[in-house]
Amino acid sequence: METTDTLIIGAGPAGLTTAYSLAKTGHGVTVIEQDKHYVGGISRTVSYKGYLFDIGGHRFFSKSREVVALWDEILPDDFLLRPRLSRIYYAGKFYAYPLKAFEALGNLGLAQSVACVTSYAYARAFPVREPKTFHQWMRNEFGERLFSIFFKTYTEKVWGMDCDEISADWAAQRIKGLNLAKALADGLRRSLKLTPQGGAGAKTLIESFRYPRRGPGMMWEAAARKIQESGGRIVMDRKFVKLHFDPHRQIWTVDTIGGDGTSESFEARHVVSSAPIQELVAKLSPPPLTLLHARALKYRDFLTVVLIGHTQRTWPDNWIYIHDPKVKVGRVQNFRSWSPEMIPDETSTCLGLEYFCREDDDFWSMTDGDLIALAQQEIAAIGLMRGEDVTDACVVRQKKAYPVYDETYLENVRMIRFELESRFPALHLVGRNGMHKYNNQDHAMMTGMLTAANILAGRTLYDVWAVNEDAEYGEAGFSGAREALASARLVPHKVA
């Protein structure tokens, strides 16, 4: 049985950041990862016949100085500064995202635009008090008509739920501080090409972002190498099957199994988990009382159909949001616009069509051939590429990509957290699935950094759960880089 100071479950951004932060101090670290080949989790970069592609699109931006410094420390010479461009496809037309006022008015038409503004004015005059659902929150901030045009269809594609079933927490976390008035003001500024506050040289999240020249996996492959160079161990193709805590010895025993059936056990003083809470709780011993709460947590999976070919049509977008309900695809990635080095030649086009689903539904179980045929039909229907221009394709599936914010998730997580902190003080939850919080990559990294600081100090210095609590999501981005971590200031843990 191998003994280590800290065992980390999952080699995604949160797990590897924790491991790196510990290993470089000489702290003993072992990371187990169930993937056979890739580190980075959902932030990995997949390779197919020389083509590289991102799983979901990962811009590197953060207002946390600590996160940016860590990126530069791990990958000092391999970042590109890329222009940011995203658009919305709706009713056969493309809309710049963030919004450009004159373009939006022209596309929607005067009557529709007036109706949207009127609907917004009504919502502001008669808001839903204490909104509980995504629909109510967005209706308050944008009006019913604009919500139905630009938010309802795409959101329901992503989550597979009616917007009245999605918690307002999701909207408040991801697009906090944004409403139609701010959108129009910023859109007007952009349409008139007025200089943003901060001067002509200011770079905001909207205009540009950093990106590793060969995809985000480049960051995590470098982190894995540095962890091993510092004496840490990373074990691939290894899944945890049981975690037992001995309260007398204050030691964890973690049983694992490899893809070839080989079993291996580890002893550790601390366990850091970025695994989905549902899976973690089911494998704890003694069994937690909140097992039913964990089983009630829901997740959304998605798959990417990658289409490769040669086409006369080029477009500069990083990705396009597909709001058209006539097609199933939710978003289209354009990998050359992320980095030219993602494509092995100067002429090929490589697009990633993202479909949101559940691993127990019929869509997930479709054959790769059927999925590729559907993607060819839909990319042609949208007008981004002809089906006959596709010369090769592949499918990448991603389980548990998004923790679902339904009406019960918050109470379920609260109950689970209370029990785990009470009974298992040396068990630390980090990252998106590890905490069931829709974190960005930099948020996940910060949870790992703060957890490592707590482990090294031997006590809780920082409240890891405060990360992202007050964040405003820059993807909505009508006023630049709003991303603000509560923990970026390294707020000390508040003891109740």
Protein backbone atom coordinates (compact mmCIF):
# COMPACT_ATOMS: atom_id res chain seq x y z
CA MET A 1 0.00 0.00 0.00
CA GLU A 2 1.39 3.39 -1.02
CA THR A 3 1.45 6.13 1.60
CA THR A 4 1.29 9.82 0.76
CA ASP A 5 0.56 13.06 2.57
CA THR A 6 -2.28 14.04 0.23
CA LEU A 7 -4.19 11.98 -2.31
CA ILE A 8 -5.97 13.96 -5.02
CA ILE A 9 -8.88 12.54 -7.02
CA GLY A 10 -9.00 13.97 -10.52
CA ALA A 11 -6.34 15.59 -12.72
CA GLY A 12 -8.41 18.54 -13.88
CA PRO A 13 -7.59 22.22 -13.22
CA ALA A 14 -8.62 22.10 -9.54
CA GLY A 15 -6.86 18.82 -8.77
CA LEU A 16 -3.64 19.65 -10.61
CA THR A 17 -3.50 23.16 -9.16
CA THR A 18 -3.80 21.68 -5.66
CA ALA A 19 -1.12 19.10 -6.46
CA TYR A 20 1.25 21.64 -7.99
CA SER A 21 0.83 24.08 -5.09
CA LEU A 22 1.63 21.30 -2.61
CA ALA A 23 4.36 19.47 -4.53
CA LYS A 24 6.53 22.52 -5.10
CA THR A 25 6.82 22.89 -1.30
CA GLY A 26 8.00 19.28 -0.93
CA HIS A 27 4.64 18.03 0.33
CA GLY A 28 3.94 14.43 -0.71
CA VAL A 29 1.23 14.24 -3.40
CA THR A 30 -0.39 11.47 -5.44
CA VAL A 31 -3.00 12.25 -8.11
CA ILE A 32 -5.29 9.55 -9.51
CA GLU A 33 -7.05 10.15 -12.85
CA GLN A 34 -9.48 7.77 -14.53
CA ASP A 35 -8.67 8.93 -18.09
CA LYS A 36 -6.10 6.74 -19.82
CA HIS A 37 -4.36 9.45 -21.78
CA TYR A 38 -5.37 13.02 -20.95
CA VAL A 39 -4.95 15.30 -17.96
CA GLY A 40 -6.94 18.50 -17.68
CA GLY A 41 -10.46 17.08 -17.32
CA ILE A 42 -12.92 19.19 -19.30
CA SER A 43 -10.02 21.61 -19.96
CA ARG A 44 -8.02 18.98 -21.83
CA THR A 45 -7.02 19.26 -25.48
CA VAL A 46 -7.90 16.26 -27.63
CA SER A 47 -5.76 15.27 -30.60
CA TYR A 48 -7.15 13.59 -33.74
CA LYS A 49 -4.94 13.05 -36.79
CA GLY A 50 -2.95 16.18 -36.02
CA TYR A 51 -6.03 18.31 -35.32
CA LEU A 52 -6.33 19.70 -31.80
CA PHE A 53 -9.58 20.73 -30.19
CA ASP A 54 -10.82 22.13 -26.95
CA ILE A 55 -13.68 20.54 -25.02
CA GLY A 56 -16.06 23.46 -24.61
CA GLY A 57 -13.80 26.43 -25.25
CA HIS A 58 -11.54 27.77 -22.47
CA ARG A 59 -10.45 31.37 -22.54
CA PHE A 60 -7.67 32.24 -20.13
CA PHE A 61 -8.68 35.37 -18.25
CA SER A 62 -8.96 36.28 -14.59
CA LYS A 63 -8.88 39.29 -12.33
CA SER A 64 -7.13 37.15 -9.75
CA ARG A 65 -3.44 38.07 -9.77
CA GLU A 66 -2.62 34.76 -8.09
CA VAL A 67 -4.21 32.73 -10.89
CA VAL A 68 -2.54 34.75 -13.65
CA ALA A 69 0.83 34.42 -11.92
CA LEU A 70 0.37 30.66 -11.69
CA TRP A 71 -0.44 30.42 -15.41
CA ASP A 72 2.76 32.29 -16.20
CA GLU A 73 4.75 30.15 -13.77
CA ILE A 74 3.56 26.87 -15.26
CA LEU A 75 3.50 27.91 -18.94
CA PRO A 76 5.72 31.00 -19.26
CA ASP A 77 6.37 31.15 -23.01
CA ASP A 78 3.40 29.60 -24.77
CA PHE A 79 0.48 32.02 -24.50
CA LEU A 80 -1.06 33.80 -27.48
CA LEU A 81 -3.17 36.93 -27.20
CA ARG A 82 -6.30 36.16 -29.22
CA PRO A 83 -9.10 38.45 -30.39
CA ARG A 84 -12.44 37.61 -28.85
CA LEU A 85 -15.44 37.23 -31.14
CA SER A 86 -18.66 35.38 -30.41
CA ARG A 87 -21.98 35.72 -32.16
CA ILE A 88 -25.55 34.54 -31.76
CA TYR A 89 -27.41 32.81 -34.60
CA TYR A 90 -31.13 33.51 -34.40
CA ALA A 91 -33.87 33.35 -37.06
CA GLY A 92 -31.34 33.07 -39.88
CA LYS A 93 -29.29 36.09 -38.79
CA PHE A 94 -26.10 36.61 -36.82
CA TYR A 95 -25.85 38.99 -33.88
CA ALA A 96 -22.56 40.14 -32.38
CA TYR A 97 -22.17 39.05 -28.78
CA PRO A 98 -21.80 41.27 -26.78
CA LEU A 99 -24.57 43.21 -28.45
CA LYS A 100 -24.01 46.01 -30.98
CA ALA A 101 -26.97 48.34 -30.70
CA PHE A 102 -27.36 49.37 -34.36
CA GLU A 103 -26.79 45.84 -35.65
CA ALA A 104 -29.35 44.38 -33.24
CA LEU A 105 -31.93 47.03 -34.15
CA GLY A 106 -31.36 46.41 -37.83
CA ASN A 107 -31.65 42.64 -37.52
CA LEU A 108 -34.69 42.64 -35.26
CA GLY A 109 -36.48 45.43 -37.08
CA LEU A 110 -38.01 48.55 -35.62
CA ALA A 111 -41.27 46.99 -34.45
CA GLN A 112 -39.57 44.10 -32.66
CA SER A 113 -36.98 46.42 -31.10
CA VAL A 114 -39.67 48.76 -29.77
CA ALA A 115 -41.55 45.76 -28.39
CA CYS A 116 -38.39 44.57 -26.60
CA VAL A 117 -37.79 47.96 -24.99
CA THR A 118 -41.46 48.21 -24.00
CA SER A 119 -41.34 44.73 -22.49
CA TYR A 120 -38.22 45.68 -20.55
CA ALA A 121 -39.82 48.88 -19.24
CA TYR A 122 -42.83 46.89 -18.05
CA ALA A 123 -40.59 44.35 -16.30
CA ARG A 124 -38.69 47.09 -14.52
CA ALA A 125 -41.92 48.76 -13.44
CA PHE A 126 -43.51 45.51 -12.27
CA PRO A 127 -40.68 43.11 -11.35
CA VAL A 128 -41.09 39.66 -9.90
CA ARG A 129 -40.24 40.06 -6.24
CA GLU A 130 -37.46 37.74 -5.02
CA PRO A 131 -37.16 35.76 -8.28
CA LYS A 132 -36.69 32.03 -7.74
CA THR A 133 -36.26 30.77 -11.30
CA PHE A 134 -34.00 31.58 -14.23
CA HIS A 135 -37.03 32.75 -16.20
CA GLN A 136 -38.10 35.18 -13.48
CA TRP A 137 -34.58 36.55 -13.00
CA MET A 138 -34.00 37.10 -16.72
CA ARG A 139 -37.48 38.58 -17.21
CA ASN A 140 -36.70 41.15 -14.52
CA GLU A 141 -33.39 42.11 -16.12
CA PHE A 142 -34.28 41.98 -19.83
CA GLY A 143 -38.05 41.84 -20.22
CA GLU A 144 -40.15 38.90 -21.36
CA ARG A 145 -39.74 39.44 -25.08
CA LEU A 146 -35.95 39.70 -25.13
CA PHE A 147 -35.74 36.74 -22.77
CA SER A 148 -37.75 34.63 -25.21
CA ILE A 149 -35.60 35.71 -28.18
CA PHE A 150 -32.06 35.53 -26.83
CA PHE A 151 -32.08 33.38 -23.70
CA LYS A 152 -34.88 30.81 -23.54
CA THR A 153 -34.03 28.49 -26.47
CA TYR A 154 -30.29 28.27 -25.89
CA THR A 155 -30.64 27.86 -22.12
CA GLU A 156 -33.15 25.04 -22.52
CA LYS A 157 -30.84 23.33 -25.02
CA VAL A 158 -27.98 23.48 -22.54
CA TRP A 159 -29.90 22.25 -19.50
CA GLY A 160 -32.65 20.11 -21.02
CA MET A 161 -35.07 21.80 -18.62
CA ASP A 162 -37.73 24.45 -18.80
CA CYS A 163 -36.40 27.84 -17.69
CA ASP A 164 -38.97 27.78 -14.89
CA GLU A 165 -37.22 24.71 -13.44
CA ILE A 166 -33.74 26.29 -13.38
CA SER A 167 -32.72 28.12 -10.23
CA ALA A 168 -32.21 31.88 -10.37
CA ASP A 169 -28.84 31.19 -8.70
CA TRP A 170 -27.42 30.18 -12.07
CA ALA A 171 -28.32 33.48 -13.73
CA ALA A 172 -27.26 35.51 -10.70
CA GLN A 173 -23.84 33.80 -10.68
CA ARG A 174 -23.14 33.78 -14.41
CA ILE A 175 -24.50 37.12 -15.63
CA LYS A 176 -24.75 39.19 -12.47
CA GLY A 177 -24.86 42.97 -12.90
CA LEU A 178 -26.17 42.86 -16.47
CA ASN A 179 -29.51 44.10 -17.79
CA LEU A 180 -30.94 45.56 -20.98
CA ALA A 181 -30.07 49.16 -20.12
CA LYS A 182 -26.40 48.28 -19.63
CA ALA A 183 -26.45 46.09 -22.73
CA LEU A 184 -27.80 48.88 -24.91
CA ALA A 185 -25.40 51.46 -23.47
CA ASP A 186 -22.42 49.20 -24.13
CA GLY A 187 -23.78 48.14 -27.50
CA LEU A 188 -24.15 51.79 -28.53
CA ARG A 189 -20.58 52.50 -27.43
CA ARG A 190 -19.35 49.58 -29.52
CA SER A 191 -21.43 50.50 -32.53
CA LEU A 192 -19.98 54.03 -32.42
CA LYS A 193 -16.51 52.62 -31.70
CA LEU A 194 -16.12 54.84 -28.67
CA THR A 195 -13.07 54.31 -26.50
CA PRO A 196 -13.82 52.20 -23.40
CA GLN A 197 -13.03 53.60 -20.01
CA GLY A 198 -9.31 53.10 -19.34
CA GLY A 199 -7.97 54.48 -22.59
CA ALA A 200 -7.41 53.27 -26.11
CA GLY A 201 -4.80 50.76 -25.07
CA ALA A 202 -6.96 49.03 -22.50
CA LYS A 203 -7.48 45.34 -23.15
CA THR A 204 -10.68 43.91 -21.75
CA LEU A 205 -12.08 40.42 -21.64
CA ILE A 206 -14.36 41.30 -24.51
CA GLU A 207 -11.68 42.37 -26.97
CA SER A 208 -9.03 39.75 -26.25
CA PHE A 209 -7.99 36.81 -24.11
CA ARG A 210 -4.94 34.64 -23.56
CA TYR A 211 -4.80 31.11 -24.92
CA PRO A 212 -2.06 28.42 -24.97
CA ARG A 213 -0.87 28.06 -28.54
CA ARG A 214 -1.77 24.34 -28.63
CA GLY A 215 -4.88 24.46 -26.50
CA PRO A 216 -5.64 24.46 -22.75
CA GLY A 217 -4.37 20.92 -22.34
CA MET A 218 -0.89 22.34 -22.89
CA MET A 219 -1.20 24.08 -19.52
CA TRP A 220 -2.22 20.94 -17.67
CA GLU A 221 0.32 18.69 -19.35
CA ALA A 222 3.00 21.17 -18.22
CA ALA A 223 1.54 21.21 -14.70
CA ALA A 224 1.62 17.39 -14.58
CA ARG A 225 5.28 17.34 -15.62
CA LYS A 226 6.21 19.90 -12.98
CA ILE A 227 4.34 17.95 -10.28
CA GLN A 228 6.30 14.82 -11.15
CA GLU A 229 9.58 16.73 -11.31
CA SER A 230 8.84 17.93 -7.76
CA GLY A 231 8.40 14.37 -6.52
CA GLY A 232 4.64 14.00 -6.92
CA ARG A 233 3.03 10.99 -8.55
CA ILE A 234 0.27 11.00 -11.18
CA VAL A 235 -1.47 7.68 -11.80
CA MET A 236 -3.53 7.51 -15.01
CA ASP A 237 -6.33 5.08 -15.86
CA ARG A 238 -7.17 4.71 -12.19
CA LYS A 239 -10.66 5.00 -10.71
CA PHE A 240 -11.44 5.25 -7.00
CA VAL A 241 -13.90 2.65 -5.72
CA LYS A 242 -13.90 3.23 -1.94
CA LEU A 243 -12.72 5.81 0.57
CA HIS A 244 -12.52 4.76 4.20
CA PHE A 245 -11.67 7.13 7.03
CA ASP A 246 -10.17 5.80 10.29
CA PRO A 247 -11.04 8.40 12.96
CA HIS A 248 -8.59 6.89 15.48
CA ARG A 249 -5.55 7.09 13.20
CA GLN A 250 -6.90 10.10 11.29
CA ILE A 251 -5.92 8.34 8.08
CA TRP A 252 -7.73 7.80 4.80
CA THR A 253 -7.53 4.54 2.86
CA VAL A 254 -8.46 4.91 -0.81
CA ASP A 255 -9.05 1.79 -2.89
CA THR A 256 -8.66 2.13 -6.66
CA ILE A 257 -8.92 -0.02 -9.75
CA GLY A 258 -7.20 0.36 -13.11
CA GLY A 259 -8.64 -0.18 -16.56
CA ASP A 260 -6.89 -3.56 -16.68
CA GLY A 261 -8.51 -4.63 -13.41
CA THR A 262 -5.42 -4.01 -11.28
CA SER A 263 -6.23 -2.90 -7.73
CA GLU A 264 -4.14 -0.49 -5.68
CA SER A 265 -4.73 1.12 -2.30
CA PHE A 266 -3.35 4.35 -0.89
CA GLU A 267 -3.09 5.78 2.60
CA ALA A 268 -3.17 9.54 3.07
CA ARG A 269 -3.68 12.14 5.76
CA HIS A 270 -5.69 14.32 3.41
CA VAL A 271 -7.94 13.55 0.43
CA VAL A 272 -8.78 16.27 -2.10
CA SER A 273 -11.67 15.40 -4.41
CA SER A 274 -12.68 17.06 -7.66
CA ALA A 275 -14.91 14.08 -8.49
CA PRO A 276 -18.67 14.70 -8.76
CA ILE A 277 -20.16 14.90 -5.26
CA GLN A 278 -22.68 12.23 -6.21
CA GLU A 279 -19.90 9.71 -6.96
CA LEU A 280 -17.78 10.70 -3.97
CA VAL A 281 -20.52 10.34 -1.36
CA ALA A 282 -21.58 6.95 -2.76
CA LYS A 283 -18.07 5.57 -2.15
CA LEU A 284 -17.40 6.95 1.32
CA SER A 285 -17.08 4.65 4.31
CA PRO A 286 -18.67 4.83 6.77
CA PRO A 287 -21.66 5.79 4.58
CA PRO A 288 -22.77 9.42 4.96
CA LEU A 289 -26.28 10.17 6.17
CA THR A 290 -26.73 12.49 3.19
CA LEU A 291 -26.49 9.75 0.54
CA LEU A 292 -30.00 10.53 -0.72
CA HIS A 293 -29.13 14.21 -1.02
CA ALA A 294 -26.14 13.27 -3.19
CA ARG A 295 -28.26 11.00 -5.38
CA ALA A 296 -30.66 13.90 -5.97
CA LEU A 297 -27.94 16.06 -7.56
CA LYS A 298 -28.19 16.25 -11.34
CA TYR A 299 -25.66 16.79 -14.10
CA ARG A 300 -25.71 17.72 -17.76
CA ASP A 301 -23.47 15.91 -20.23
CA PHE A 302 -22.47 17.00 -23.69
CA LEU A 303 -20.71 15.76 -26.78
CA THR A 304 -18.77 17.46 -29.52
CA VAL A 305 -18.98 16.39 -33.15
CA VAL A 306 -15.81 17.58 -34.85
CA LEU A 307 -16.15 18.24 -38.59
CA ILE A 308 -12.97 18.59 -40.69
CA GLY A 309 -12.86 19.69 -44.30
CA HIS A 310 -12.18 22.41 -46.83
CA THR A 311 -14.62 25.23 -47.42
CA GLN A 312 -14.58 28.54 -49.21
CA ARG A 313 -16.39 30.19 -46.29
CA THR A 314 -14.22 31.52 -43.48
CA TRP A 315 -15.40 33.28 -40.35
CA PRO A 316 -13.43 34.75 -37.45
CA ASP A 317 -15.63 33.74 -34.49
CA ASN A 318 -14.23 31.67 -31.63
CA TRP A 319 -17.71 30.24 -31.29
CA ILE A 320 -21.32 30.88 -32.30
CA TYR A 321 -24.32 30.34 -30.02
CA ILE A 322 -27.13 28.63 -31.91
CA HIS A 323 -30.48 29.94 -30.67
CA ASP A 324 -32.46 28.43 -33.52
CA PRO A 325 -34.88 25.77 -32.13
CA LYS A 326 -34.99 24.05 -35.54
CA VAL A 327 -31.58 22.46 -34.94
CA LYS A 328 -30.31 20.53 -31.94
CA VAL A 329 -26.76 21.94 -31.92
CA GLY A 330 -26.21 24.48 -29.16
CA ARG A 331 -22.86 26.01 -30.03
CA VAL A 332 -20.27 25.80 -32.82
CA GLN A 333 -16.55 26.13 -32.10
CA ASN A 334 -14.13 27.38 -34.75
CA PHE A 335 -10.81 25.92 -33.64
CA ARG A 336 -8.58 27.89 -36.03
CA SER A 337 -9.79 31.12 -34.41
CA TRP A 338 -8.65 29.86 -31.02
CA SER A 339 -5.14 29.25 -32.32
CA PRO A 340 -3.76 28.58 -35.82
CA GLU A 341 -1.59 25.85 -34.28
CA MET A 342 -4.73 23.81 -33.55
CA ILE A 343 -4.92 23.02 -37.30
CA PRO A 344 -2.05 21.09 -38.99
CA ASP A 345 -2.24 22.97 -42.30
CA GLU A 346 -3.12 26.41 -43.69
CA THR A 347 -6.33 25.52 -45.55
CA SER A 348 -8.44 23.09 -43.50
CA THR A 349 -11.49 24.04 -41.49
CA CYS A 350 -12.13 22.31 -38.18
CA LEU A 351 -15.44 22.96 -36.41
CA GLY A 352 -16.82 21.53 -33.19
CA LEU A 353 -20.60 21.19 -32.94
CA GLU A 354 -21.67 20.93 -29.29
CA TYR A 355 -24.76 18.99 -28.28
CA PHE A 356 -26.07 19.00 -24.72
CA CYS A 357 -27.67 15.82 -23.41
CA ARG A 358 -27.70 13.23 -20.63
CA GLU A 359 -25.78 9.99 -20.70
CA ASP A 360 -29.00 8.04 -20.11
CA ASP A 361 -30.92 9.55 -23.06
CA ASP A 362 -31.25 8.40 -26.65
CA PHE A 363 -29.09 11.20 -28.05
CA TRP A 364 -26.05 10.19 -26.00
CA SER A 365 -26.36 6.59 -27.18
CA MET A 366 -26.52 7.45 -30.91
CA THR A 367 -23.71 5.95 -32.97
CA ASP A 368 -20.83 8.18 -34.01
CA GLY A 369 -21.91 7.74 -37.63
CA ASP A 370 -25.45 8.96 -36.95
CA LEU A 371 -24.16 11.91 -34.92
CA ILE A 372 -21.76 12.93 -37.68
CA ALA A 373 -24.54 12.72 -40.29
CA LEU A 374 -26.78 14.91 -38.12
CA ALA A 375 -23.98 17.44 -37.60
CA GLN A 376 -23.36 17.66 -41.36
CA GLN A 377 -27.05 18.38 -41.94
CA GLU A 378 -27.21 21.01 -39.24
CA ILE A 379 -24.01 22.86 -40.15
CA ALA A 380 -25.37 23.15 -43.68
CA ALA A 381 -28.76 24.37 -42.41
CA ILE A 382 -27.04 27.11 -40.41
CA GLY A 383 -24.92 28.01 -43.44
CA LEU A 384 -21.48 27.74 -41.88
CA MET A 385 -20.24 24.82 -43.98
CA ARG A 386 -21.66 22.56 -46.68
CA GLY A 387 -22.13 18.93 -45.73
CA GLU A 388 -20.22 17.80 -48.81
CA ASP A 389 -17.20 19.87 -47.72
CA VAL A 390 -16.67 17.55 -44.73
CA THR A 391 -13.82 15.10 -45.35
CA ASP A 392 -13.37 13.63 -41.87
CA ALA A 393 -15.04 13.73 -38.48
CA CYS A 394 -15.00 12.34 -34.95
CA VAL A 395 -17.07 12.47 -31.76
CA VAL A 396 -15.91 13.30 -28.22
CA ARG A 397 -18.24 12.61 -25.30
CA GLN A 398 -17.98 14.43 -21.95
CA LYS A 399 -19.88 13.11 -18.95
CA LYS A 400 -20.98 15.43 -16.14
CA ALA A 401 -19.86 18.60 -17.89
CA TYR A 402 -22.24 20.86 -15.97
CA PRO A 403 -23.69 20.60 -12.45
CA VAL A 404 -27.41 21.36 -12.68
CA TYR A 405 -28.88 24.23 -10.66
CA ASP A 406 -32.41 22.97 -10.10
CA GLU A 407 -34.73 24.05 -7.30
CA THR A 408 -33.32 21.54 -4.77
CA TYR A 409 -29.58 21.56 -5.52
CA LEU A 410 -28.63 24.29 -3.05
CA GLU A 411 -30.20 22.59 -0.04
CA ASN A 412 -28.76 19.21 -1.08
CA VAL A 413 -25.24 20.65 -1.32
CA ARG A 414 -25.66 22.49 1.98
CA MET A 415 -26.64 19.30 3.81
CA ILE A 416 -23.82 17.27 2.24
CA ARG A 417 -21.24 19.94 2.99
CA PHE A 418 -22.34 20.19 6.63
CA GLU A 419 -21.99 16.44 7.18
CA LEU A 420 -18.69 16.02 5.35
CA GLU A 421 -17.07 18.92 7.19
CA SER A 422 -18.31 17.57 10.52
CA ARG A 423 -17.36 13.91 10.04
CA PHE A 424 -14.44 14.06 7.62
CA PRO A 425 -12.33 17.16 8.36
CA ALA A 426 -9.44 15.94 6.20
CA LEU A 427 -11.64 15.61 3.10
CA HIS A 428 -11.46 18.67 0.84
CA LEU A 429 -13.81 19.38 -2.07
CA VAL A 430 -12.54 21.45 -5.01
CA GLY A 431 -13.52 22.41 -8.53
CA ARG A 432 -16.70 22.46 -10.57
CA ASN A 433 -18.07 18.97 -9.95
CA GLY A 434 -16.25 18.55 -6.65
CA MET A 435 -18.30 21.41 -5.20
CA HIS A 436 -21.30 21.24 -7.57
CA LYS A 437 -20.69 24.88 -8.55
CA TYR A 438 -20.65 26.09 -12.13
CA ASN A 439 -17.10 27.41 -11.81
CA ASN A 440 -14.90 28.74 -14.56
CA GLN A 441 -11.38 27.38 -14.96
CA ASP A 442 -9.82 30.17 -12.89
CA HIS A 443 -12.38 29.68 -10.12
CA ALA A 444 -11.54 25.97 -10.04
CA MET A 445 -7.85 26.79 -9.83
CA MET A 446 -8.43 29.18 -6.96
CA THR A 447 -10.26 26.49 -4.97
CA GLY A 448 -7.18 24.30 -5.44
CA MET A 449 -4.76 27.04 -4.40
CA LEU A 450 -6.71 27.87 -1.25
CA THR A 451 -7.14 24.20 -0.34
CA ALA A 452 -3.39 23.67 -0.66
CA ALA A 453 -2.80 26.70 1.60
CA ASN A 454 -5.18 25.25 4.20
CA ILE A 455 -3.47 21.84 4.09
CA LEU A 456 0.01 23.34 4.44
CA ALA A 457 -1.12 25.51 7.35
CA GLY A 458 -2.77 22.58 9.11
CA ARG A 459 -5.93 24.59 9.64
CA THR A 460 -8.64 26.40 7.69
CA LEU A 461 -7.21 29.76 6.72
CA TYR A 462 -9.50 30.40 3.76
CA ASP A 463 -13.12 29.62 2.98
CA VAL A 464 -12.86 27.75 -0.30
CA TRP A 465 -16.65 27.89 -0.73
CA ALA A 466 -16.48 31.69 -1.02
CA VAL A 467 -14.79 31.36 -4.41
CA ASN A 468 -17.19 32.51 -7.14
CA GLU A 469 -19.85 33.46 -4.63
CA ASP A 470 -19.67 37.14 -5.59
CA ALA A 471 -18.28 36.66 -9.09
CA GLU A 472 -19.75 38.40 -12.08
CA TYR A 473 -19.39 36.34 -15.21
CA GLY A 474 -17.42 38.13 -17.91
CA GLU A 475 -18.87 36.02 -20.74
CA ALA A 476 -21.94 38.27 -20.62
CA GLY A 477 -19.36 41.00 -20.79
CA PHE A 478 -21.06 44.27 -21.74
CA SER A 479 -18.60 46.31 -19.70
CA GLY A 480 -15.35 44.43 -20.02
CA ALA A 481 -13.53 42.11 -17.69
CA ARG A 482 -15.90 41.87 -14.77
CA GLU A 483 -14.62 38.58 -13.47
CA ALA A 484 -14.15 39.14 -9.75
CA LEU A 485 -13.36 36.37 -7.31
CA ALA A 486 -14.29 36.85 -3.72
CA SER A 487 -11.16 34.85 -2.97
CA ALA A 488 -8.88 36.85 -5.23
CA ARG A 489 -8.22 39.03 -2.24
CA LEU A 490 -7.51 35.88 -0.22
CA VAL A 491 -10.29 36.59 2.23
CA PRO A 492 -9.59 34.77 5.53
CA HIS A 493 -11.94 31.97 6.49
CA LYS A 494 -14.74 33.15 8.74
CA VAL A 495 -15.27 30.78 11.62
CA ALA A 496 -18.94 30.61 12.63
